[in-house]
Amino acid sequence: NILYCEADDNYTKIYLDKGQKLVSKTLKYFEESLNLHGFAR
């Protein structure tokens, strides 16, 4: 359901099919977590 993630300083905005989330993790963190799930930087 995740469309894309956007860097926001030390936070990441996660955009979903419906809505969005703000998480206190860097975009690099999500890149490493999701790289085996079809996500591209």
All heavy atoms as atom14 arrays in JSON, in Angstrom:
{
  "sequence": "NILYCEADDNYTKIYLDKGQKLVSKTLKYFEESLNLHGFAR",
  "atom14_mask": [
    [1, 1, 1, 1, 1, 1, 1, 1, 0, 0, 0, 0, 0, 0],
    [1, 1, 1, 1, 1, 1, 1, 1, 0, 0, 0, 0, 0, 0],
    [1, 1, 1, 1, 1, 1, 1, 1, 0, 0, 0, 0, 0, 0],
    [1, 1, 1, 1, 1, 1, 1, 1, 1, 1, 1, 1, 0, 0],
    [1, 1, 1, 1, 1, 1, 0, 0, 0, 0, 0, 0, 0, 0],
    [1, 1, 1, 1, 1, 1, 1, 1, 1, 0, 0, 0, 0, 0],
    [1, 1, 1, 1, 1, 0, 0, 0, 0, 0, 0, 0, 0, 0],
    [1, 1, 1, 1, 1, 1, 1, 1, 0, 0, 0, 0, 0, 0],
    [1, 1, 1, 1, 1, 1, 1, 1, 0, 0, 0, 0, 0, 0],
    [1, 1, 1, 1, 1, 1, 1, 1, 0, 0, 0, 0, 0, 0],
    [1, 1, 1, 1, 1, 1, 1, 1, 1, 1, 1, 1, 0, 0],
    [1, 1, 1, 1, 1, 1, 1, 0, 0, 0, 0, 0, 0, 0],
    [1, 1, 1, 1, 1, 1, 1, 1, 1, 0, 0, 0, 0, 0],
    [1, 1, 1, 1, 1, 1, 1, 1, 0, 0, 0, 0, 0, 0],
    [1, 1, 1, 1, 1, 1, 1, 1, 1, 1, 1, 1, 0, 0],
    [1, 1, 1, 1, 1, 1, 1, 1, 0, 0, 0, 0, 0, 0],
    [1, 1, 1, 1, 1, 1, 1, 1, 0, 0, 0, 0, 0, 0],
    [1, 1, 1, 1, 1, 1, 1, 1, 1, 0, 0, 0, 0, 0],
    [1, 1, 1, 1, 0, 0, 0, 0, 0, 0, 0, 0, 0, 0],
    [1, 1, 1, 1, 1, 1, 1, 1, 1, 0, 0, 0, 0, 0],
    [1, 1, 1, 1, 1, 1, 1, 1, 1, 0, 0, 0, 0, 0],
    [1, 1, 1, 1, 1, 1, 1, 1, 0, 0, 0, 0, 0, 0],
    [1, 1, 1, 1, 1, 1, 1, 0, 0, 0, 0, 0, 0, 0],
    [1, 1, 1, 1, 1, 1, 0, 0, 0, 0, 0, 0, 0, 0],
    [1, 1, 1, 1, 1, 1, 1, 1, 1, 0, 0, 0, 0, 0],
    [1, 1, 1, 1, 1, 1, 1, 0, 0, 0, 0, 0, 0, 0],
    [1, 1, 1, 1, 1, 1, 1, 1, 0, 0, 0, 0, 0, 0],
    [1, 1, 1, 1, 1, 1, 1, 1, 1, 0, 0, 0, 0, 0],
    [1, 1, 1, 1, 1, 1, 1, 1, 1, 1, 1, 1, 0, 0],
    [1, 1, 1, 1, 1, 1, 1, 1, 1, 1, 1, 0, 0, 0],
    [1, 1, 1, 1, 1, 1, 1, 1, 1, 0, 0, 0, 0, 0],
    [1, 1, 1, 1, 1, 1, 1, 1, 1, 0, 0, 0, 0, 0],
    [1, 1, 1, 1, 1, 1, 0, 0, 0, 0, 0, 0, 0, 0],
    [1, 1, 1, 1, 1, 1, 1, 1, 0, 0, 0, 0, 0, 0],
    [1, 1, 1, 1, 1, 1, 1, 1, 0, 0, 0, 0, 0, 0],
    [1, 1, 1, 1, 1, 1, 1, 1, 0, 0, 0, 0, 0, 0],
    [1, 1, 1, 1, 1, 1, 1, 1, 1, 1, 0, 0, 0, 0],
    [1, 1, 1, 1, 0, 0, 0, 0, 0, 0, 0, 0, 0, 0],
    [1, 1, 1, 1, 1, 1, 1, 1, 1, 1, 1, 0, 0, 0],
    [1, 1, 1, 1, 1, 0, 0, 0, 0, 0, 0, 0, 0, 0],
    [1, 1, 1, 1, 1, 1, 1, 1, 1, 1, 1, 0, 0, 0]
  ],
  "atom14_positions": [
    [[0.81, -1.22, 0.0], [0.0, 0.0, 0.0], [0.85, 1.27, 0.0], [0.3, 2.37, -0.07], [-0.93, 0.02, 1.22], [-2.03, -1.02, 1.12], [-2.4, -1.46, 0.03], [-2.57, -1.43, 2.26], [0.0, 0.0, 0.0], [0.0, 0.0, 0.0], [0.0, 0.0, 0.0], [0.0, 0.0, 0.0], [0.0, 0.0, 0.0], [0.0, 0.0, 0.0]],
    [[2.17, 1.12, 0.1], [3.05, 2.29, 0.12], [3.34, 2.73, -1.31], [3.79, 1.93, -2.13], [4.37, 1.97, 0.84], [4.1, 1.57, 2.3], [5.31, 3.18, 0.79], [5.35, 1.12, 3.05], [0.0, 0.0, 0.0], [0.0, 0.0, 0.0], [0.0, 0.0, 0.0], [0.0, 0.0, 0.0], [0.0, 0.0, 0.0], [0.0, 0.0, 0.0]],
    [[3.06, 3.99, -1.61], [3.38, 4.56, -2.92], [4.85, 4.98, -2.98], [5.59, 4.55, -3.85], [2.5, 5.78, -3.19], [1.01, 5.52, -3.45], [0.24, 6.82, -3.35], [0.84, 4.9, -4.83], [0.0, 0.0, 0.0], [0.0, 0.0, 0.0], [0.0, 0.0, 0.0], [0.0, 0.0, 0.0], [0.0, 0.0, 0.0], [0.0, 0.0, 0.0]],
    [[5.24, 5.84, -2.05], [6.63, 6.29, -2.01], [6.92, 6.89, -0.64], [6.01, 7.16, 0.17], [6.92, 7.32, -3.1], [6.24, 8.66, -2.96], [6.91, 9.78, -2.45], [4.92, 8.84, -3.39], [6.29, 11.01, -2.35], [4.29, 10.07, -3.3], [4.98, 11.15, -2.77], [4.35, 12.37, -2.66], [0.0, 0.0, 0.0], [0.0, 0.0, 0.0]],
    [[8.2, 7.07, -0.36], [8.67, 7.68, 0.88], [9.47, 8.92, 0.53], [10.23, 8.93, -0.45], [9.55, 6.71, 1.66], [8.77, 5.14, 2.09], [0.0, 0.0, 0.0], [0.0, 0.0, 0.0], [0.0, 0.0, 0.0], [0.0, 0.0, 0.0], [0.0, 0.0, 0.0], [0.0, 0.0, 0.0], [0.0, 0.0, 0.0], [0.0, 0.0, 0.0]],
    [[9.31, 9.95, 1.32], [9.98, 11.22, 1.06], [10.8, 11.65, 2.27], [10.3, 11.63, 3.4], [8.96, 12.31, 0.73], [9.57, 13.67, 0.45], [8.54, 14.74, 0.16], [7.32, 14.47, 0.31], [8.94, 15.85, -0.22], [0.0, 0.0, 0.0], [0.0, 0.0, 0.0], [0.0, 0.0, 0.0], [0.0, 0.0, 0.0], [0.0, 0.0, 0.0]],
    [[12.04, 12.04, 2.06], [12.91, 12.5, 3.15], [12.42, 13.85, 3.67], [12.03, 14.73, 2.9], [14.35, 12.63, 2.65], [0.0, 0.0, 0.0], [0.0, 0.0, 0.0], [0.0, 0.0, 0.0], [0.0, 0.0, 0.0], [0.0, 0.0, 0.0], [0.0, 0.0, 0.0], [0.0, 0.0, 0.0], [0.0, 0.0, 0.0], [0.0, 0.0, 0.0]],
    [[12.45, 13.99, 4.99], [12.09, 15.25, 5.64], [13.04, 15.42, 6.83], [12.69, 15.13, 7.96], [10.63, 15.21, 6.1], [10.15, 16.56, 6.64], [10.96, 17.52, 6.64], [8.98, 16.65, 7.07], [0.0, 0.0, 0.0], [0.0, 0.0, 0.0], [0.0, 0.0, 0.0], [0.0, 0.0, 0.0], [0.0, 0.0, 0.0], [0.0, 0.0, 0.0]],
    [[14.27, 15.88, 6.53], [15.35, 15.94, 7.52], [15.57, 14.55, 8.11], [15.83, 13.62, 7.37], [15.03, 16.99, 8.59], [15.08, 18.4, 8.03], [15.88, 18.65, 7.11], [14.31, 19.26, 8.48], [0.0, 0.0, 0.0], [0.0, 0.0, 0.0], [0.0, 0.0, 0.0], [0.0, 0.0, 0.0], [0.0, 0.0, 0.0], [0.0, 0.0, 0.0]],
    [[15.45, 14.42, 9.42], [15.64, 13.12, 10.06], [14.35, 12.31, 10.15], [14.3, 11.29, 10.84], [16.24, 13.29, 11.45], [17.69, 13.76, 11.4], [18.45, 13.34, 10.52], [18.08, 14.62, 12.31], [0.0, 0.0, 0.0], [0.0, 0.0, 0.0], [0.0, 0.0, 0.0], [0.0, 0.0, 0.0], [0.0, 0.0, 0.0], [0.0, 0.0, 0.0]],
    [[13.33, 12.78, 9.48], [12.05, 12.09, 9.42], [11.8, 11.58, 8.0], [12.48, 11.96, 7.06], [10.9, 13.02, 9.83], [10.87, 13.37, 11.29], [11.75, 14.32, 11.82], [9.97, 12.77, 12.16], [11.72, 14.64, 13.18], [9.93, 13.09, 13.52], [10.8, 14.03, 14.01], [10.78, 14.34, 15.34], [0.0, 0.0, 0.0], [0.0, 0.0, 0.0]],
    [[10.82, 10.71, 7.88], [10.39, 10.24, 6.57], [8.87, 10.31, 6.48], [8.17, 9.87, 7.39], [10.84, 8.79, 6.32], [12.27, 8.73, 6.31], [10.32, 8.27, 4.99], [0.0, 0.0, 0.0], [0.0, 0.0, 0.0], [0.0, 0.0, 0.0], [0.0, 0.0, 0.0], [0.0, 0.0, 0.0], [0.0, 0.0, 0.0], [0.0, 0.0, 0.0]],
    [[8.39, 10.89, 5.38], [6.95, 10.88, 5.11], [6.65, 9.65, 4.24], [7.26, 9.47, 3.19], [6.53, 12.14, 4.37], [6.64, 13.42, 5.18], [6.25, 14.64, 4.34], [6.39, 15.93, 5.13], [6.11, 17.12, 4.28], [0.0, 0.0, 0.0], [0.0, 0.0, 0.0], [0.0, 0.0, 0.0], [0.0, 0.0, 0.0], [0.0, 0.0, 0.0]],
    [[5.75, 8.84, 4.7], [5.34, 7.65, 3.96], [3.98, 7.92, 3.33], [2.99, 8.14, 4.04], [5.27, 6.41, 4.87], [6.63, 6.14, 5.5], [4.8, 5.19, 4.07], [6.62, 4.97, 6.46], [0.0, 0.0, 0.0], [0.0, 0.0, 0.0], [0.0, 0.0, 0.0], [0.0, 0.0, 0.0], [0.0, 0.0, 0.0], [0.0, 0.0, 0.0]],
    [[3.94, 7.91, 2.0], [2.69, 8.16, 1.28], [2.06, 6.83, 0.89], [2.7, 5.99, 0.26], [2.95, 9.02, 0.05], [3.35, 10.44, 0.38], [4.7, 10.75, 0.63], [2.42, 11.45, 0.47], [5.08, 12.04, 0.96], [2.79, 12.76, 0.79], [4.12, 13.04, 1.04], [4.49, 14.32, 1.35], [0.0, 0.0, 0.0], [0.0, 0.0, 0.0]],
    [[0.81, 6.65, 1.28], [0.09, 5.41, 1.04], [-0.96, 5.6, -0.04], [-1.22, 6.73, -0.48], [-0.59, 4.96, 2.34], [0.33, 4.82, 3.56], [-0.49, 4.73, 4.84], [1.23, 3.61, 3.41], [0.0, 0.0, 0.0], [0.0, 0.0, 0.0], [0.0, 0.0, 0.0], [0.0, 0.0, 0.0], [0.0, 0.0, 0.0], [0.0, 0.0, 0.0]],
    [[-1.57, 4.49, -0.46], [-2.7, 4.6, -1.4], [-3.75, 5.55, -0.82], [-4.39, 6.3, -1.54], [-3.31, 3.22, -1.64], [-2.4, 2.34, -2.48], [-1.68, 2.87, -3.34], [-2.4, 1.12, -2.26], [0.0, 0.0, 0.0], [0.0, 0.0, 0.0], [0.0, 0.0, 0.0], [0.0, 0.0, 0.0], [0.0, 0.0, 0.0], [0.0, 0.0, 0.0]],
    [[-3.91, 5.49, 0.5], [-4.83, 6.4, 1.19], [-4.13, 6.95, 2.43], [-3.86, 6.22, 3.37], [-6.11, 5.66, 1.6], [-6.97, 5.19, 0.42], [-8.23, 4.5, 0.91], [-9.08, 4.04, -0.28], [-10.32, 3.34, 0.18], [0.0, 0.0, 0.0], [0.0, 0.0, 0.0], [0.0, 0.0, 0.0], [0.0, 0.0, 0.0], [0.0, 0.0, 0.0]],
    [[-3.82, 8.23, 2.4], [-3.22, 8.88, 3.55], [-1.71, 8.86, 3.55], [-1.06, 8.41, 2.59], [0.0, 0.0, 0.0], [0.0, 0.0, 0.0], [0.0, 0.0, 0.0], [0.0, 0.0, 0.0], [0.0, 0.0, 0.0], [0.0, 0.0, 0.0], [0.0, 0.0, 0.0], [0.0, 0.0, 0.0], [0.0, 0.0, 0.0], [0.0, 0.0, 0.0]],
    [[-1.13, 9.36, 4.64], [0.32, 9.41, 4.78], [0.7, 9.33, 6.25], [-0.13, 9.57, 7.13], [0.89, 10.68, 4.16], [0.49, 11.97, 4.88], [1.04, 13.2, 4.18], [0.65, 13.54, 3.08], [1.96, 13.88, 4.86], [0.0, 0.0, 0.0], [0.0, 0.0, 0.0], [0.0, 0.0, 0.0], [0.0, 0.0, 0.0], [0.0, 0.0, 0.0]],
    [[1.96, 8.98, 6.51], [2.49, 8.85, 7.86], [3.81, 9.6, 7.96], [4.56, 9.66, 6.99], [2.73, 7.38, 8.24], [1.54, 6.46, 8.01], [0.43, 6.7, 9.02], [-0.73, 5.75, 8.76], [-1.85, 6.01, 9.71], [0.0, 0.0, 0.0], [0.0, 0.0, 0.0], [0.0, 0.0, 0.0], [0.0, 0.0, 0.0], [0.0, 0.0, 0.0]],
    [[4.09, 10.17, 9.12], [5.37, 10.8, 9.38], [6.09, 9.97, 10.44], [5.55, 9.76, 11.53], [5.19, 12.24, 9.87], [6.48, 13.02, 10.15], [7.3, 13.2, 8.88], [6.17, 14.37, 10.79], [0.0, 0.0, 0.0], [0.0, 0.0, 0.0], [0.0, 0.0, 0.0], [0.0, 0.0, 0.0], [0.0, 0.0, 0.0], [0.0, 0.0, 0.0]],
    [[7.29, 9.5, 10.11], [8.01, 8.59, 10.99], [9.39, 9.17, 11.31], [10.06, 9.71, 10.43], [8.18, 7.2, 10.32], [8.84, 6.22, 11.29], [6.82, 6.66, 9.87], [0.0, 0.0, 0.0], [0.0, 0.0, 0.0], [0.0, 0.0, 0.0], [0.0, 0.0, 0.0], [0.0, 0.0, 0.0], [0.0, 0.0, 0.0], [0.0, 0.0, 0.0]],
    [[9.8, 9.02, 12.56], [11.1, 9.57, 12.99], [12.24, 8.62, 12.64], [12.98, 8.15, 13.5], [11.09, 9.86, 14.49], [10.81, 8.69, 15.22], [0.0, 0.0, 0.0], [0.0, 0.0, 0.0], [0.0, 0.0, 0.0], [0.0, 0.0, 0.0], [0.0, 0.0, 0.0], [0.0, 0.0, 0.0], [0.0, 0.0, 0.0], [0.0, 0.0, 0.0]],
    [[12.36, 8.31, 11.36], [13.47, 7.53, 10.81], [13.9, 8.18, 9.5], [13.08, 8.79, 8.8], [13.06, 6.08, 10.56], [12.86, 5.25, 11.82], [14.19, 4.98, 12.5], [14.03, 4.16, 13.75], [15.31, 3.94, 14.45], [0.0, 0.0, 0.0], [0.0, 0.0, 0.0], [0.0, 0.0, 0.0], [0.0, 0.0, 0.0], [0.0, 0.0, 0.0]],
    [[15.17, 8.05, 9.17], [15.67, 8.66, 7.94], [15.22, 7.85, 6.72], [14.87, 6.66, 6.83], [17.2, 8.73, 7.94], [17.73, 7.4, 7.97], [17.7, 9.52, 9.15], [0.0, 0.0, 0.0], [0.0, 0.0, 0.0], [0.0, 0.0, 0.0], [0.0, 0.0, 0.0], [0.0, 0.0, 0.0], [0.0, 0.0, 0.0], [0.0, 0.0, 0.0]],
    [[15.28, 8.48, 5.56], [14.94, 7.78, 4.32], [15.93, 6.65, 4.07], [15.56, 5.6, 3.53], [14.95, 8.77, 3.15], [14.42, 8.22, 1.82], [12.95, 7.81, 1.94], [14.58, 9.26, 0.72], [0.0, 0.0, 0.0], [0.0, 0.0, 0.0], [0.0, 0.0, 0.0], [0.0, 0.0, 0.0], [0.0, 0.0, 0.0], [0.0, 0.0, 0.0]],
    [[17.19, 6.83, 4.45], [18.19, 5.78, 4.31], [17.78, 4.53, 5.06], [17.97, 3.4, 4.59], [19.54, 6.3, 4.82], [20.68, 5.28, 4.76], [21.07, 4.94, 3.34], [22.29, 4.05, 3.29], [22.64, 3.65, 1.92], [0.0, 0.0, 0.0], [0.0, 0.0, 0.0], [0.0, 0.0, 0.0], [0.0, 0.0, 0.0], [0.0, 0.0, 0.0]],
    [[17.19, 4.72, 6.21], [16.73, 3.57, 7.01], [15.68, 2.78, 6.24], [15.74, 1.55, 6.17], [16.15, 4.06, 8.33], [15.74, 2.94, 9.26], [16.62, 2.46, 10.22], [14.49, 2.35, 9.16], [16.27, 1.42, 11.06], [14.12, 1.3, 10.0], [15.01, 0.85, 10.95], [14.64, -0.19, 11.77], [0.0, 0.0, 0.0], [0.0, 0.0, 0.0]],
    [[14.72, 3.48, 5.63], [13.67, 2.78, 4.89], [14.2, 2.17, 3.6], [13.73, 1.13, 3.16], [12.5, 3.72, 4.62], [11.62, 3.91, 5.83], [11.76, 5.04, 6.61], [10.7, 2.96, 6.19], [10.97, 5.22, 7.74], [9.91, 3.11, 7.31], [10.05, 4.25, 8.09], [0.0, 0.0, 0.0], [0.0, 0.0, 0.0], [0.0, 0.0, 0.0]],
    [[15.19, 2.82, 3.0], [15.8, 2.25, 1.81], [16.42, 0.89, 2.14], [16.24, -0.09, 1.4], [16.88, 3.2, 1.27], [17.56, 2.68, 0.01], [18.65, 3.61, -0.48], [18.97, 4.59, 0.23], [19.18, 3.37, -1.59], [0.0, 0.0, 0.0], [0.0, 0.0, 0.0], [0.0, 0.0, 0.0], [0.0, 0.0, 0.0], [0.0, 0.0, 0.0]],
    [[17.11, 0.8, 3.25], [17.73, -0.46, 3.65], [16.68, -1.49, 4.05], [16.86, -2.69, 3.83], [18.7, -0.2, 4.8], [19.91, 0.63, 4.39], [20.78, 1.02, 5.56], [20.36, 0.78, 6.72], [21.87, 1.58, 5.33], [0.0, 0.0, 0.0], [0.0, 0.0, 0.0], [0.0, 0.0, 0.0], [0.0, 0.0, 0.0], [0.0, 0.0, 0.0]],
    [[15.58, -1.04, 4.65], [14.54, -1.97, 5.1], [13.7, -2.5, 3.96], [13.23, -3.64, 4.01], [13.63, -1.27, 6.12], [14.34, -0.87, 7.26], [0.0, 0.0, 0.0], [0.0, 0.0, 0.0], [0.0, 0.0, 0.0], [0.0, 0.0, 0.0], [0.0, 0.0, 0.0], [0.0, 0.0, 0.0], [0.0, 0.0, 0.0], [0.0, 0.0, 0.0]],
    [[13.51, -1.69, 2.91], [12.56, -2.05, 1.85], [13.23, -2.45, 0.53], [12.54, -2.71, -0.45], [11.6, -0.88, 1.6], [10.67, -0.52, 2.77], [9.95, 0.79, 2.5], [9.66, -1.64, 3.02], [0.0, 0.0, 0.0], [0.0, 0.0, 0.0], [0.0, 0.0, 0.0], [0.0, 0.0, 0.0], [0.0, 0.0, 0.0], [0.0, 0.0, 0.0]],
    [[14.54, -2.5, 0.5], [15.22, -2.77, -0.78], [14.94, -4.17, -1.32], [15.13, -4.41, -2.51], [16.73, -2.51, -0.68], [17.43, -3.47, 0.29], [16.79, -4.27, 0.96], [18.74, -3.35, 0.37], [0.0, 0.0, 0.0], [0.0, 0.0, 0.0], [0.0, 0.0, 0.0], [0.0, 0.0, 0.0], [0.0, 0.0, 0.0], [0.0, 0.0, 0.0]],
    [[14.5, -5.08, -0.48], [14.16, -6.42, -0.96], [12.67, -6.56, -1.26], [12.19, -7.66, -1.55], [14.58, -7.47, 0.08], [16.08, -7.58, 0.38], [16.33, -8.63, 1.45], [16.86, -7.89, -0.89], [0.0, 0.0, 0.0], [0.0, 0.0, 0.0], [0.0, 0.0, 0.0], [0.0, 0.0, 0.0], [0.0, 0.0, 0.0], [0.0, 0.0, 0.0]],
    [[11.96, -5.45, -1.21], [10.51, -5.47, -1.41], [10.09, -4.61, -2.6], [8.99, -4.08, -2.63], [9.81, -5.01, -0.14], [10.0, -5.94, 1.02], [9.14, -6.96, 1.32], [11.01, -6.02, 1.93], [9.58, -7.62, 2.37], [10.71, -7.07, 2.76], [0.0, 0.0, 0.0], [0.0, 0.0, 0.0], [0.0, 0.0, 0.0], [0.0, 0.0, 0.0]],
    [[11.0, -4.46, -3.57], [10.65, -3.76, -4.8], [10.62, -2.25, -4.69], [9.85, -1.59, -5.41], [0.0, 0.0, 0.0], [0.0, 0.0, 0.0], [0.0, 0.0, 0.0], [0.0, 0.0, 0.0], [0.0, 0.0, 0.0], [0.0, 0.0, 0.0], [0.0, 0.0, 0.0], [0.0, 0.0, 0.0], [0.0, 0.0, 0.0], [0.0, 0.0, 0.0]],
    [[11.45, -1.67, -3.83], [11.52, -0.22, -3.7], [12.84, 0.28, -4.27], [13.9, -0.34, -4.05], [11.4, 0.2, -2.24], [9.97, 0.22, -1.73], [9.29, -0.97, -1.53], [9.32, 1.41, -1.49], [7.98, -0.97, -1.07], [8.01, 1.43, -1.04], [7.34, 0.23, -0.84], [0.0, 0.0, 0.0], [0.0, 0.0, 0.0], [0.0, 0.0, 0.0]],
    [[12.78, 1.39, -4.98], [13.98, 1.94, -5.63], [14.2, 3.38, -5.18], [13.25, 4.18, -5.14], [13.85, 1.89, -7.15], [0.0, 0.0, 0.0], [0.0, 0.0, 0.0], [0.0, 0.0, 0.0], [0.0, 0.0, 0.0], [0.0, 0.0, 0.0], [0.0, 0.0, 0.0], [0.0, 0.0, 0.0], [0.0, 0.0, 0.0], [0.0, 0.0, 0.0]],
    [[15.43, 3.71, -4.87], [15.8, 5.1, -4.55], [15.99, 5.82, -5.87], [16.91, 5.52, -6.63], [17.08, 5.11, -3.72], [17.5, 6.48, -3.19], [16.62, 6.93, -2.03], [17.1, 8.17, -1.43], [17.87, 8.22, -0.35], [18.24, 7.1, 0.26], [18.24, 9.38, 0.14], [0.0, 0.0, 0.0], [0.0, 0.0, 0.0], [0.0, 0.0, 0.0]]
  ]
}
